[in-house]
């Protein structure tokens, strides 16, 4: 199922005005020409509407740590993941470092 376009600035202002006037979500949806679900989500959090929420688990290795790991490997390719962990000061397991490489 395709996603609809986001609400325009004009539509957002219109929704807020109609809501202040006391119209129901269904009446606002009919007036603006959008679904009542879109109106509901917008009225729940007008500032947060249209922002993407992060999904999934956060990464253990930050971009800065990733650079340090790669630099340590470039300097000496014969190091184990435990040695790389000690050199870079990583707060993750050697297995995580191995997966990253």
C-alpha atoms as a PDB file:
ATOM      1  CA  UNK A   1       0.000   0.000   0.000  1.00  0.00           C
ATOM      2  CA  UNK A   2       1.461   3.357  -1.021  1.00  0.00           C
ATOM      3  CA  UNK A   3       1.992   6.145   1.453  1.00  0.00           C
ATOM      4  CA  UNK A   4       0.147   9.411   1.015  1.00  0.00           C
ATOM      5  CA  UNK A   5       1.989  12.708   0.801  1.00  0.00           C
ATOM      6  CA  UNK A   6       2.708  14.549   4.024  1.00  0.00           C
ATOM      7  CA  UNK A   7       0.484  17.395   5.098  1.00  0.00           C
ATOM      8  CA  UNK A   8       1.404  20.733   3.603  1.00  0.00           C
ATOM      9  CA  UNK A   9       1.988  23.787   5.779  1.00  0.00           C
ATOM     10  CA  UNK A  10      -1.361  25.173   4.636  1.00  0.00           C
ATOM     11  CA  UNK A  11      -3.165  21.948   5.575  1.00  0.00           C
ATOM     12  CA  UNK A  12      -1.470  21.867   8.971  1.00  0.00           C
ATOM     13  CA  UNK A  13      -2.569  25.417   9.723  1.00  0.00           C
ATOM     14  CA  UNK A  14      -6.091  24.648   8.542  1.00  0.00           C
ATOM     15  CA  UNK A  15      -6.272  21.571  10.780  1.00  0.00           C
ATOM     16  CA  UNK A  16      -5.125  23.541  13.826  1.00  0.00           C
ATOM     17  CA  UNK A  17      -7.679  26.289  13.151  1.00  0.00           C
ATOM     18  CA  UNK A  18     -10.544  23.844  12.673  1.00  0.00           C
ATOM     19  CA  UNK A  19      -9.516  21.992  15.833  1.00  0.00           C
ATOM     20  CA  UNK A  20      -9.533  25.280  17.804  1.00  0.00           C
ATOM     21  CA  UNK A  21     -13.055  25.898  16.494  1.00  0.00           C
ATOM     22  CA  UNK A  22     -14.126  22.618  18.106  1.00  0.00           C
ATOM     23  CA  UNK A  23     -14.709  20.471  15.032  1.00  0.00           C
ATOM     24  CA  UNK A  24     -14.356  16.712  15.382  1.00  0.00           C
ATOM     25  CA  UNK A  25     -11.544  14.805  13.702  1.00  0.00           C
ATOM     26  CA  UNK A  26     -13.998  13.325  11.229  1.00  0.00           C
ATOM     27  CA  UNK A  27     -15.328  16.785  10.311  1.00  0.00           C
ATOM     28  CA  UNK A  28     -11.785  18.148   9.962  1.00  0.00           C
ATOM     29  CA  UNK A  29     -10.839  15.188   7.740  1.00  0.00           C
ATOM     30  CA  UNK A  30     -13.830  15.856   5.473  1.00  0.00           C
ATOM     31  CA  UNK A  31     -13.021  19.565   5.317  1.00  0.00           C
ATOM     32  CA  UNK A  32      -9.315  19.113   4.541  1.00  0.00           C
ATOM     33  CA  UNK A  33      -9.756  16.058   2.321  1.00  0.00           C
ATOM     34  CA  UNK A  34      -7.492  13.730   4.286  1.00  0.00           C
ATOM     35  CA  UNK A  35      -8.170  10.634   6.348  1.00  0.00           C
ATOM     36  CA  UNK A  36      -9.183  10.962   9.975  1.00  0.00           C
ATOM     37  CA  UNK A  37      -6.127   8.875  10.932  1.00  0.00           C
ATOM     38  CA  UNK A  38      -3.783  11.502   9.484  1.00  0.00           C
ATOM     39  CA  UNK A  39      -5.663  14.196  11.382  1.00  0.00           C
ATOM     40  CA  UNK A  40      -5.402  12.158  14.596  1.00  0.00           C
ATOM     41  CA  UNK A  41      -1.654  11.614  14.251  1.00  0.00           C
ATOM     42  CA  UNK A  42      -1.047  15.266  13.451  1.00  0.00           C
ATOM     43  CA  UNK A  43      -3.139  16.541  16.380  1.00  0.00           C
ATOM     44  CA  UNK A  44      -1.416  14.132  18.805  1.00  0.00           C
ATOM     45  CA  UNK A  45       2.006  15.656  18.114  1.00  0.00           C
ATOM     46  CA  UNK A  46       2.043  18.616  15.691  1.00  0.00           C
ATOM     47  CA  UNK A  47       5.769  19.338  16.189  1.00  0.00           C
ATOM     48  CA  UNK A  48       6.771  15.699  15.754  1.00  0.00           C
ATOM     49  CA  UNK A  49       4.589  15.064  12.697  1.00  0.00           C
ATOM     50  CA  UNK A  50       6.601  13.884   9.729  1.00  0.00           C
ATOM     51  CA  UNK A  51       9.778  13.111  11.634  1.00  0.00           C
ATOM     52  CA  UNK A  52      11.165   9.633  11.238  1.00  0.00           C
ATOM     53  CA  UNK A  53      11.555   7.555  14.352  1.00  0.00           C
ATOM     54  CA  UNK A  54      14.694   5.493  14.718  1.00  0.00           C
ATOM     55  CA  UNK A  55      14.161   1.798  14.316  1.00  0.00           C
ATOM     56  CA  UNK A  56      16.197  -1.108  15.495  1.00  0.00           C
ATOM     57  CA  UNK A  57      18.853  -1.503  18.070  1.00  0.00           C
ATOM     58  CA  UNK A  58      21.463   1.254  18.418  1.00  0.00           C
ATOM     59  CA  UNK A  59      24.962   0.425  17.193  1.00  0.00           C
ATOM     60  CA  UNK A  60      27.606  -0.533  19.748  1.00  0.00           C
ATOM     61  CA  UNK A  61      30.403   0.922  17.642  1.00  0.00           C
ATOM     62  CA  UNK A  62      30.272   4.667  17.082  1.00  0.00           C
ATOM     63  CA  UNK A  63      31.704   6.232  13.916  1.00  0.00           C
ATOM     64  CA  UNK A  64      34.696   7.550  15.889  1.00  0.00           C
ATOM     65  CA  UNK A  65      35.417   4.105  17.340  1.00  0.00           C
ATOM     66  CA  UNK A  66      35.046   2.603  13.876  1.00  0.00           C
ATOM     67  CA  UNK A  67      37.751   4.954  12.588  1.00  0.00           C
ATOM     68  CA  UNK A  68      40.054   4.056  15.493  1.00  0.00           C
ATOM     69  CA  UNK A  69      39.580   0.331  14.833  1.00  0.00           C
ATOM     70  CA  UNK A  70      40.340   0.703  11.131  1.00  0.00           C
ATOM     71  CA  UNK A  71      43.411   2.809  11.874  1.00  0.00           C
ATOM     72  CA  UNK A  72      44.698   0.208  14.365  1.00  0.00           C
ATOM     73  CA  UNK A  73      44.237  -2.560  11.781  1.00  0.00           C
ATOM     74  CA  UNK A  74      46.031  -0.535   9.083  1.00  0.00           C
ATOM     75  CA  UNK A  75      49.030   0.025  11.337  1.00  0.00           C
ATOM     76  CA  UNK A  76      49.447  -3.662  12.227  1.00  0.00           C
ATOM     77  CA  UNK A  77      47.349  -6.288  10.447  1.00  0.00           C
ATOM     78  CA  UNK A  78      48.559  -9.141  12.654  1.00  0.00           C
ATOM     79  CA  UNK A  79      46.653  -8.055  15.780  1.00  0.00           C
ATOM     80  CA  UNK A  80      43.865 -10.057  17.358  1.00  0.00           C
ATOM     81  CA  UNK A  81      40.491  -8.523  18.071  1.00  0.00           C
ATOM     82  CA  UNK A  82      41.314  -8.509  21.806  1.00  0.00           C
ATOM     83  CA  UNK A  83      44.471  -6.519  21.122  1.00  0.00           C
ATOM     84  CA  UNK A  84      42.539  -4.085  18.921  1.00  0.00           C
ATOM     85  CA  UNK A  85      40.008  -3.690  21.730  1.00  0.00           C
ATOM     86  CA  UNK A  86      42.781  -2.859  24.197  1.00  0.00           C
ATOM     87  CA  UNK A  87      44.472  -0.385  21.830  1.00  0.00           C
ATOM     88  CA  UNK A  88      41.295   1.490  20.893  1.00  0.00           C
ATOM     89  CA  UNK A  89      39.692   1.411  24.329  1.00  0.00           C
ATOM     90  CA  UNK A  90      36.482  -0.038  22.900  1.00  0.00           C
ATOM     91  CA  UNK A  91      33.691  -0.824  25.357  1.00  0.00           C
ATOM     92  CA  UNK A  92      32.410  -3.768  23.319  1.00  0.00           C
ATOM     93  CA  UNK A  93      33.416  -7.408  23.023  1.00  0.00           C
ATOM     94  CA  UNK A  94      36.184  -8.673  20.714  1.00  0.00           C
ATOM     95  CA  UNK A  95      33.492 -10.529  18.763  1.00  0.00           C
ATOM     96  CA  UNK A  96      31.766  -7.215  18.003  1.00  0.00           C
ATOM     97  CA  UNK A  97      35.063  -5.833  16.720  1.00  0.00           C
ATOM     98  CA  UNK A  98      35.548  -8.935  14.546  1.00  0.00           C
ATOM     99  CA  UNK A  99      32.028  -8.563  13.117  1.00  0.00           C
ATOM    100  CA  UNK A 100      32.709  -4.922  12.370  1.00  0.00           C
ATOM    101  CA  UNK A 101      35.834  -5.766  10.415  1.00  0.00           C
END
